[in-house]
N, C-alpha and C. Protein backbone atom coordinates (compact mmCIF):
# COMPACT_ATOMS: atom_id res chain seq x y z
N MET A 1 -17.71 -16.63 -79.42
CA MET A 1 -16.58 -15.85 -79.00
C MET A 1 -15.73 -17.06 -79.85
N LEU A 2 -14.72 -16.88 -80.05
CA LEU A 2 -13.82 -17.84 -80.59
C LEU A 2 -12.11 -17.66 -79.95
N PHE A 3 -11.65 -18.90 -79.62
CA PHE A 3 -10.63 -18.44 -78.69
C PHE A 3 -9.28 -20.08 -80.21
N ILE A 4 -8.58 -19.23 -80.07
CA ILE A 4 -6.92 -19.04 -81.51
C ILE A 4 -5.96 -19.38 -80.59
N TYR A 5 -5.43 -20.63 -81.13
CA TYR A 5 -4.53 -20.98 -80.63
C TYR A 5 -2.96 -21.00 -81.68
N GLY A 6 -2.89 -21.49 -82.18
CA GLY A 6 -2.33 -21.44 -83.32
C GLY A 6 -1.79 -21.30 -84.83
N THR A 7 -1.92 -20.91 -85.51
CA THR A 7 -1.29 -20.31 -86.80
C THR A 7 -2.20 -18.50 -86.72
N LEU A 8 -3.90 -19.43 -86.17
CA LEU A 8 -5.20 -17.92 -86.29
C LEU A 8 -3.62 -16.90 -85.80
N GLN A 9 -3.17 -17.46 -84.75
CA GLN A 9 -2.32 -15.83 -83.93
C GLN A 9 -1.30 -15.42 -84.58
N ASP A 10 -1.21 -15.65 -85.77
CA ASP A 10 -0.11 -14.87 -86.69
C ASP A 10 -1.01 -14.10 -87.21
N ALA A 11 -0.47 -12.44 -87.30
CA ALA A 11 -0.77 -11.28 -88.29
C ALA A 11 -1.60 -11.11 -89.47
N ASP A 12 -0.77 -11.72 -90.11
CA ASP A 12 -1.08 -12.14 -91.46
C ASP A 12 -1.72 -13.34 -91.86
N VAL A 13 -1.55 -14.56 -91.10
CA VAL A 13 -2.42 -15.34 -91.15
C VAL A 13 -3.60 -15.24 -91.04
N LEU A 14 -4.60 -14.47 -89.79
CA LEU A 14 -5.86 -14.50 -89.75
C LEU A 14 -5.76 -13.07 -90.77
N GLY A 15 -5.99 -12.59 -91.40
CA GLY A 15 -5.70 -11.77 -91.80
C GLY A 15 -6.25 -11.66 -92.88
N ALA A 16 -5.43 -13.08 -93.71
CA ALA A 16 -5.42 -13.56 -94.65
C ALA A 16 -7.14 -14.07 -95.07
N VAL A 17 -7.30 -15.24 -93.80
CA VAL A 17 -8.50 -15.48 -93.54
C VAL A 17 -9.91 -14.90 -94.01
N LEU A 18 -9.37 -13.93 -93.08
CA LEU A 18 -10.45 -13.25 -91.70
C LEU A 18 -11.03 -12.24 -93.62
N GLY A 19 -10.07 -12.05 -94.64
CA GLY A 19 -9.97 -11.05 -95.82
C GLY A 19 -9.37 -9.79 -94.95
N ARG A 20 -9.28 -9.42 -94.09
CA ARG A 20 -9.13 -8.00 -94.16
C ARG A 20 -7.75 -7.40 -92.75
N PRO A 21 -7.63 -7.28 -93.18
CA PRO A 21 -6.00 -6.73 -91.60
C PRO A 21 -6.54 -6.65 -91.13
N VAL A 22 -5.86 -7.58 -89.65
CA VAL A 22 -6.13 -7.59 -87.95
C VAL A 22 -4.87 -7.10 -86.97
N VAL A 23 -5.04 -6.01 -86.27
CA VAL A 23 -4.11 -6.09 -85.45
C VAL A 23 -4.30 -6.81 -84.10
N VAL A 24 -3.10 -7.58 -84.20
CA VAL A 24 -3.40 -8.61 -82.95
C VAL A 24 -3.13 -8.02 -81.72
N ALA A 25 -2.22 -7.42 -81.42
CA ALA A 25 -2.43 -6.61 -80.86
C ALA A 25 -3.65 -5.96 -79.54
N GLY A 26 -4.53 -5.55 -79.96
CA GLY A 26 -5.39 -5.59 -79.45
C GLY A 26 -7.23 -6.97 -79.23
N LEU A 27 -6.04 -8.08 -80.32
CA LEU A 27 -7.15 -9.10 -79.24
C LEU A 27 -6.72 -9.50 -77.78
N ARG A 28 -7.57 -9.65 -77.30
CA ARG A 28 -7.19 -10.06 -75.91
C ARG A 28 -7.35 -11.67 -75.50
N ARG A 29 -6.23 -11.86 -75.13
CA ARG A 29 -4.95 -12.58 -74.92
C ARG A 29 -6.13 -13.39 -73.66
N ALA A 30 -5.18 -14.87 -73.91
CA ALA A 30 -6.63 -15.37 -73.24
C ALA A 30 -6.36 -17.01 -73.04
N VAL A 31 -6.72 -17.90 -71.90
CA VAL A 31 -5.76 -19.62 -72.08
C VAL A 31 -6.63 -20.92 -71.97
N ALA A 32 -7.23 -21.66 -71.96
CA ALA A 32 -7.48 -22.45 -72.40
C ALA A 32 -7.24 -23.32 -70.86
N PRO A 33 -7.85 -23.30 -69.89
CA PRO A 33 -7.65 -24.30 -69.00
C PRO A 33 -7.89 -25.48 -69.13
N GLY A 34 -6.66 -26.78 -68.46
CA GLY A 34 -6.70 -28.63 -68.62
C GLY A 34 -7.03 -28.59 -70.39
N PHE A 35 -6.30 -28.16 -71.44
CA PHE A 35 -5.70 -28.12 -72.32
C PHE A 35 -4.07 -27.53 -72.96
N ARG A 36 -3.13 -27.98 -73.82
CA ARG A 36 -2.72 -27.79 -74.04
C ARG A 36 -2.10 -27.81 -75.60
N ALA A 37 -1.46 -26.79 -75.99
CA ALA A 37 -0.73 -26.83 -77.82
C ALA A 37 0.03 -27.44 -78.20
N VAL A 38 -0.12 -28.88 -79.27
CA VAL A 38 1.01 -29.57 -79.26
C VAL A 38 0.79 -29.71 -80.81
N VAL A 39 1.75 -30.15 -81.02
CA VAL A 39 2.40 -29.89 -82.50
C VAL A 39 1.79 -31.36 -83.27
N HIS A 40 0.55 -31.17 -84.10
CA HIS A 40 0.01 -32.42 -84.73
C HIS A 40 0.90 -33.06 -85.74
N PRO A 41 0.77 -34.22 -85.23
CA PRO A 41 1.63 -35.10 -86.29
C PRO A 41 1.84 -35.47 -87.51
N GLY A 42 3.08 -34.89 -88.01
CA GLY A 42 2.84 -35.07 -89.36
C GLY A 42 2.23 -33.77 -90.30
N ARG A 43 2.42 -32.38 -89.57
CA ARG A 43 2.10 -31.50 -89.44
C ARG A 43 2.81 -30.38 -89.13
N VAL A 44 2.39 -29.82 -89.55
CA VAL A 44 3.75 -27.74 -89.30
C VAL A 44 2.60 -26.69 -88.07
N TYR A 45 1.38 -27.57 -88.30
CA TYR A 45 0.00 -26.92 -87.32
C TYR A 45 -0.27 -27.50 -85.70
N PRO A 46 -0.32 -27.34 -84.40
CA PRO A 46 -1.28 -26.95 -83.51
C PRO A 46 -2.62 -28.56 -83.64
N ALA A 47 -2.06 -29.42 -81.93
CA ALA A 47 -4.01 -29.50 -82.14
C ALA A 47 -3.64 -29.42 -81.38
N LEU A 48 -5.15 -28.57 -80.04
CA LEU A 48 -5.43 -28.48 -79.04
C LEU A 48 -5.92 -30.07 -77.85
N VAL A 49 -5.05 -30.19 -77.45
CA VAL A 49 -5.41 -31.52 -76.16
C VAL A 49 -5.89 -31.41 -74.67
N ALA A 50 -6.45 -32.39 -74.56
CA ALA A 50 -6.48 -32.09 -73.17
C ALA A 50 -5.45 -32.50 -72.66
N SER A 51 -4.89 -31.81 -71.53
CA SER A 51 -3.78 -31.93 -70.22
C SER A 51 -3.89 -31.81 -68.95
N GLY A 52 -4.47 -32.06 -67.99
CA GLY A 52 -4.79 -32.16 -66.91
C GLY A 52 -4.36 -30.42 -66.55
N ASP A 53 -3.36 -30.20 -65.96
CA ASP A 53 -3.39 -28.80 -64.95
C ASP A 53 -2.43 -27.60 -65.53
N GLU A 54 -2.04 -28.35 -67.07
CA GLU A 54 -1.73 -27.33 -67.60
C GLU A 54 -3.29 -26.49 -68.28
N ALA A 55 -2.16 -25.15 -69.50
CA ALA A 55 -3.57 -24.06 -69.83
C ALA A 55 -2.67 -23.80 -71.00
N ALA A 56 -3.34 -23.93 -72.36
CA ALA A 56 -2.92 -22.96 -73.61
C ALA A 56 -3.04 -21.94 -73.67
N PRO A 57 -2.00 -21.58 -73.97
CA PRO A 57 -2.31 -19.78 -74.17
C PRO A 57 -2.24 -19.98 -75.62
N GLY A 58 -3.57 -18.74 -75.55
CA GLY A 58 -3.29 -18.07 -77.86
C GLY A 58 -4.81 -17.09 -76.76
N LEU A 59 -5.38 -16.58 -78.08
CA LEU A 59 -5.99 -15.05 -78.08
C LEU A 59 -7.93 -15.44 -78.15
N LEU A 60 -8.35 -13.94 -78.35
CA LEU A 60 -9.95 -14.44 -77.87
C LEU A 60 -10.46 -13.50 -79.74
N LEU A 61 -11.28 -14.16 -79.92
CA LEU A 61 -11.47 -13.61 -80.79
C LEU A 61 -13.38 -13.38 -80.89
N ASP A 62 -13.64 -12.24 -81.09
CA ASP A 62 -15.58 -12.10 -80.99
C ASP A 62 -15.98 -10.90 -81.94
N ASN A 63 -17.08 -10.94 -81.83
CA ASN A 63 -17.24 -10.54 -82.84
C ASN A 63 -17.46 -10.76 -84.40
N LEU A 64 -17.80 -11.79 -83.90
CA LEU A 64 -17.03 -12.43 -86.47
C LEU A 64 -18.50 -12.77 -86.27
N SER A 65 -18.33 -13.22 -88.50
CA SER A 65 -19.63 -12.69 -88.78
C SER A 65 -19.51 -14.35 -89.48
N HIS A 66 -21.25 -13.96 -90.25
CA HIS A 66 -20.76 -15.95 -89.85
C HIS A 66 -20.64 -16.37 -91.31
N LEU A 67 -20.21 -15.13 -92.19
CA LEU A 67 -19.33 -15.76 -93.27
C LEU A 67 -17.25 -15.47 -92.55
N ASP A 68 -17.60 -14.77 -91.35
CA ASP A 68 -15.89 -15.30 -90.93
C ASP A 68 -15.72 -16.49 -89.90
N LEU A 69 -16.99 -17.08 -90.49
CA LEU A 69 -17.10 -18.34 -89.13
C LEU A 69 -17.47 -19.96 -90.26
N ALA A 70 -17.59 -19.46 -90.86
CA ALA A 70 -18.10 -20.65 -92.44
C ALA A 70 -17.07 -20.35 -92.62
N VAL A 71 -16.00 -19.38 -93.42
CA VAL A 71 -14.49 -19.97 -93.83
C VAL A 71 -13.82 -19.81 -92.95
N LEU A 72 -13.05 -19.88 -91.01
CA LEU A 72 -12.75 -20.29 -90.44
C LEU A 72 -12.54 -21.77 -90.58
N ASP A 73 -14.10 -21.96 -90.47
CA ASP A 73 -14.64 -23.37 -90.24
C ASP A 73 -13.91 -24.40 -92.00
N ALA A 74 -13.55 -23.44 -93.00
CA ALA A 74 -13.42 -24.29 -93.79
C ALA A 74 -12.12 -24.53 -94.09
N PHE A 75 -11.41 -23.29 -93.43
CA PHE A 75 -10.55 -23.60 -93.53
C PHE A 75 -8.99 -24.27 -92.71
N GLU A 76 -9.91 -24.89 -91.65
CA GLU A 76 -9.49 -25.91 -89.90
C GLU A 76 -9.33 -27.36 -90.63
N GLY A 77 -10.64 -26.69 -92.04
CA GLY A 77 -10.66 -28.49 -93.14
C GLY A 77 -11.28 -29.90 -92.15
N GLU A 78 -11.09 -30.79 -92.70
CA GLU A 78 -11.55 -32.32 -91.78
C GLU A 78 -11.17 -32.52 -91.12
N GLU A 79 -9.60 -31.56 -91.09
CA GLU A 79 -9.26 -32.28 -89.43
C GLU A 79 -9.84 -31.75 -87.92
N TYR A 80 -10.69 -30.97 -88.32
CA TYR A 80 -11.39 -30.04 -86.41
C TYR A 80 -12.17 -30.27 -86.62
N ARG A 81 -12.98 -29.90 -85.52
CA ARG A 81 -14.38 -28.99 -84.98
C ARG A 81 -14.30 -27.61 -84.45
N ARG A 82 -15.29 -27.09 -84.55
CA ARG A 82 -15.35 -26.33 -83.33
C ARG A 82 -16.26 -26.20 -82.67
N ARG A 83 -15.42 -26.54 -80.97
CA ARG A 83 -16.31 -26.68 -80.67
C ARG A 83 -15.93 -26.34 -78.93
N PRO A 84 -16.91 -25.87 -78.12
CA PRO A 84 -17.06 -25.17 -76.77
C PRO A 84 -16.33 -25.19 -75.86
N ILE A 85 -15.39 -24.65 -74.97
CA ILE A 85 -14.82 -25.45 -73.99
C ILE A 85 -14.69 -22.77 -73.74
N SER A 86 -13.80 -24.00 -72.17
CA SER A 86 -14.29 -22.93 -71.18
C SER A 86 -12.52 -22.16 -71.46
N VAL A 87 -12.48 -20.54 -71.19
CA VAL A 87 -11.21 -20.13 -71.21
C VAL A 87 -11.54 -18.93 -70.44
N LEU A 88 -9.94 -18.47 -70.16
CA LEU A 88 -9.67 -17.55 -69.31
C LEU A 88 -9.41 -16.26 -69.59
N VAL A 89 -9.82 -14.74 -69.51
CA VAL A 89 -8.87 -13.69 -70.11
C VAL A 89 -9.01 -12.94 -68.46
N ASP A 90 -7.52 -12.62 -68.74
CA ASP A 90 -7.57 -12.53 -67.24
C ASP A 90 -7.77 -12.79 -65.29
N GLY A 91 -8.30 -14.12 -65.52
CA GLY A 91 -8.64 -14.43 -65.16
C GLY A 91 -10.36 -15.13 -64.74
N VAL A 92 -10.66 -13.82 -65.48
CA VAL A 92 -12.56 -14.63 -65.90
C VAL A 92 -12.75 -15.38 -66.81
N GLY A 93 -13.63 -16.43 -66.03
CA GLY A 93 -13.88 -17.63 -67.35
C GLY A 93 -14.58 -16.90 -68.25
N HIS A 94 -14.33 -17.62 -69.52
CA HIS A 94 -16.10 -17.04 -70.57
C HIS A 94 -16.25 -18.63 -71.37
N PRO A 95 -16.92 -19.05 -72.13
CA PRO A 95 -17.43 -19.44 -72.86
C PRO A 95 -16.65 -19.14 -73.79
N ALA A 96 -16.09 -20.11 -74.62
CA ALA A 96 -15.52 -19.67 -76.43
C ALA A 96 -15.70 -21.03 -77.50
N ASP A 97 -15.84 -20.71 -77.89
CA ASP A 97 -15.24 -22.15 -79.26
C ASP A 97 -13.80 -22.85 -79.89
N ALA A 98 -13.21 -23.18 -79.55
CA ALA A 98 -12.01 -24.31 -80.36
C ALA A 98 -12.43 -25.14 -81.50
N TYR A 99 -10.96 -24.93 -82.22
CA TYR A 99 -11.17 -26.11 -82.97
C TYR A 99 -10.15 -26.77 -82.95
N LEU A 100 -10.91 -28.11 -82.60
CA LEU A 100 -10.15 -29.42 -81.70
C LEU A 100 -10.26 -30.63 -83.07
N PRO A 101 -9.07 -31.33 -83.04
CA PRO A 101 -8.69 -32.08 -83.86
C PRO A 101 -9.85 -33.60 -83.55
N LEU A 102 -10.19 -33.69 -84.59
CA LEU A 102 -10.41 -35.22 -84.93
C LEU A 102 -10.33 -36.38 -84.65
N ALA A 103 -8.68 -36.79 -84.42
CA ALA A 103 -7.64 -36.95 -84.65
C ALA A 103 -7.53 -37.52 -83.03
N ALA A 104 -7.12 -38.94 -81.99
CA ALA A 104 -6.53 -38.40 -80.86
C ALA A 104 -5.14 -38.47 -80.88
N ILE A 105 -5.09 -37.46 -80.72
CA ILE A 105 -3.52 -37.03 -79.98
C ILE A 105 -3.08 -37.04 -79.01
N SER A 106 -2.23 -37.40 -78.38
CA SER A 106 -1.25 -37.73 -77.30
C SER A 106 -1.03 -36.38 -77.33
N ALA A 107 -1.66 -35.90 -75.57
CA ALA A 107 -0.39 -34.97 -74.82
C ALA A 107 0.45 -34.94 -74.25
N ASN A 108 1.25 -36.10 -74.62
CA ASN A 108 2.17 -35.87 -74.75
C ASN A 108 3.42 -35.83 -75.29
N ALA A 109 2.68 -34.83 -76.85
CA ALA A 109 3.40 -34.63 -78.11
C ALA A 109 4.26 -33.44 -77.96
N PRO A 110 5.09 -32.55 -78.72
CA PRO A 110 5.62 -32.15 -78.25
C PRO A 110 5.54 -30.56 -78.44
N VAL A 111 5.18 -29.79 -77.16
CA VAL A 111 4.84 -28.05 -77.71
C VAL A 111 4.76 -27.58 -78.66
N TRP A 112 3.91 -27.41 -78.88
CA TRP A 112 3.83 -26.16 -80.62
C TRP A 112 4.04 -24.64 -79.58
N SER A 113 4.28 -24.25 -80.59
CA SER A 113 5.41 -23.06 -80.78
C SER A 113 5.02 -21.56 -81.86
N LEU A 114 4.39 -21.22 -81.45
CA LEU A 114 3.71 -19.60 -82.74
C LEU A 114 5.05 -18.97 -83.04
N ALA A 115 5.96 -18.98 -81.50
CA ALA A 115 7.55 -18.28 -81.96
C ALA A 115 8.85 -18.98 -83.05
N ASP A 116 8.69 -21.04 -82.86
CA ASP A 116 8.91 -21.35 -83.90
C ASP A 116 8.60 -21.89 -85.18
N TRP A 117 7.10 -21.83 -85.77
CA TRP A 117 6.65 -22.28 -86.61
C TRP A 117 6.73 -20.59 -86.69
N THR A 118 6.81 -19.82 -86.63
CA THR A 118 7.08 -18.03 -87.05
C THR A 118 8.34 -18.10 -88.22
N SER A 119 9.64 -18.73 -87.04
CA SER A 119 11.07 -18.69 -88.04
C SER A 119 11.31 -19.48 -88.79
N VAL A 120 10.06 -21.02 -88.56
CA VAL A 120 10.80 -22.11 -88.97
C VAL A 120 9.72 -22.49 -91.01
N HIS A 121 8.34 -22.14 -90.08
CA HIS A 121 7.99 -22.43 -91.19
C HIS A 121 6.53 -21.32 -92.23
N LYS A 122 6.81 -20.65 -91.29
CA LYS A 122 6.35 -19.94 -91.81
C LYS A 122 6.48 -18.74 -93.77
N PRO A 123 7.54 -18.78 -93.05
CA PRO A 123 7.90 -18.12 -95.05
C PRO A 123 7.43 -19.12 -96.05
N ALA A 124 8.14 -20.64 -95.41
CA ALA A 124 7.21 -21.95 -96.33
C ALA A 124 5.47 -21.88 -96.80
N VAL A 125 4.94 -21.42 -96.01
CA VAL A 125 3.78 -21.93 -95.93
C VAL A 125 2.17 -20.76 -96.16
N LEU A 126 2.93 -19.01 -95.78
CA LEU A 126 1.57 -18.23 -95.91
C LEU A 126 1.54 -18.09 -97.14
N GLY A 127 1.81 -18.30 -97.50
CA GLY A 127 1.40 -17.15 -99.47
C GLY A 127 0.12 -18.55 -100.04
N ARG A 128 0.68 -20.52 -99.66
CA ARG A 128 0.29 -21.66 -99.97
C ARG A 128 -1.40 -21.50 -98.90
N GLU A 129 -0.82 -20.87 -97.67
CA GLU A 129 -1.83 -20.50 -97.16
C GLU A 129 -3.26 -19.21 -97.40
N THR A 130 -2.41 -18.51 -97.77
CA THR A 130 -3.30 -16.89 -98.28
C THR A 130 -4.49 -17.25 -99.44
N GLU A 131 -3.61 -17.79 -100.17
CA GLU A 131 -4.87 -18.48 -101.36
C GLU A 131 -5.34 -19.62 -101.31
N THR A 132 -5.17 -20.19 -100.46
CA THR A 132 -6.47 -21.26 -99.54
C THR A 132 -7.48 -19.87 -99.50
N ALA A 133 -7.44 -19.64 -98.64
CA ALA A 133 -7.90 -18.50 -97.67
C ALA A 133 -8.55 -17.74 -98.75
N THR A 134 -8.11 -16.75 -99.36
CA THR A 134 -9.16 -15.97 -100.07
C THR A 134 -9.84 -17.04 -100.94
N ALA A 135 -9.33 -18.06 -101.71
CA ALA A 135 -10.45 -19.33 -102.39
C ALA A 135 -11.60 -19.42 -101.63
N LEU A 136 -12.04 -19.97 -100.07
CA LEU A 136 -12.32 -19.98 -99.70
C LEU A 136 -13.96 -19.11 -99.59
N ARG A 137 -13.28 -17.66 -99.19
CA ARG A 137 -13.56 -16.55 -98.53
C ARG A 137 -14.47 -16.06 -99.64
N GLN A 138 -13.76 -16.24 -100.95
CA GLN A 138 -14.72 -16.22 -102.40
C GLN A 138 -15.84 -17.27 -102.38
N ARG A 139 -15.27 -18.06 -102.56
CA ARG A 139 -16.51 -19.01 -102.83
C ARG A 139 -17.38 -18.75 -101.86
N LEU A 140 -17.42 -18.79 -100.54
CA LEU A 140 -18.24 -19.17 -99.21
C LEU A 140 -19.61 -17.70 -99.12
N ALA A 141 -18.44 -15.95 -99.54
CA ALA A 141 -19.63 -14.76 -99.92
C ALA A 141 -20.57 -14.61 -100.39
N ALA A 142 -20.14 -15.51 -101.10
CA ALA A 142 -21.69 -16.23 -102.00
C ALA A 142 -23.18 -16.58 -101.55
N GLN A 143 -22.82 -16.90 -101.09
CA GLN A 143 -23.73 -18.18 -99.55
C GLN A 143 -23.73 -17.89 -98.53
N VAL A 144 -23.00 -17.04 -97.47
CA VAL A 144 -23.25 -17.03 -96.15
C VAL A 144 -23.02 -15.24 -96.08
N PRO A 145 -23.92 -14.38 -95.29
CA PRO A 145 -24.02 -13.28 -95.12
C PRO A 145 -22.58 -12.43 -94.30
N ASP A 146 -21.66 -11.14 -94.47
CA ASP A 146 -20.38 -10.92 -93.61
C ASP A 146 -21.21 -10.11 -93.15
N ASP A 147 -22.41 -10.04 -92.44
CA ASP A 147 -22.86 -9.83 -91.29
C ASP A 147 -21.69 -8.60 -89.32
N ARG A 148 -21.24 -9.40 -89.96
CA ARG A 148 -19.65 -8.61 -88.49
C ARG A 148 -20.16 -7.42 -88.19
N HIS A 149 -19.16 -7.08 -86.86
CA HIS A 149 -19.46 -6.09 -85.77
C HIS A 149 -17.49 -5.92 -86.24
N ASP A 150 -17.15 -4.89 -86.29
CA ASP A 150 -15.73 -4.95 -87.09
C ASP A 150 -14.91 -4.51 -85.56
N PHE A 151 -13.68 -6.13 -85.08
CA PHE A 151 -12.80 -6.03 -84.34
C PHE A 151 -11.88 -6.30 -84.30
N VAL A 152 -12.07 -5.32 -85.84
CA VAL A 152 -10.26 -4.94 -86.42
C VAL A 152 -10.01 -3.93 -86.90
N GLN A 153 -8.75 -3.92 -86.95
CA GLN A 153 -8.59 -2.62 -88.45
C GLN A 153 -9.25 -2.86 -89.31
N GLN A 154 -9.49 -1.81 -90.18
CA GLN A 154 -9.97 -1.49 -91.86
C GLN A 154 -9.02 -0.85 -92.18
């Protein structure tokens, strides 16, 4: 399972990365206890940082293929690594992976908001994000099997 807490919560971005339409409303809402999604310094996207008693909201993806994960890893780039964390879905704990920043980022950084990103940054970055995701998926499709089980609308 993969916990997503940033721009991947947006149906257009996630659909571009996965190469298929996504119905975000069909995904499970989750929280990551002990974490906070903050503005990544100098970026328009967030970083998940340790933060005491807080719990970062997000979504939980499952049934991802090896190709999906390879594309997601490449899309997140050199600034993040997929690492195991614990999340809660309806109060029940689940192990999941999340993309955590490699750089040390203060938990006191401003809180990141999907609503703010959608209204302020999405129009300017969506085209570039879609092109990047499409190119990554095409490059990796020849190297990694697409063994997924559908969790998204076809």
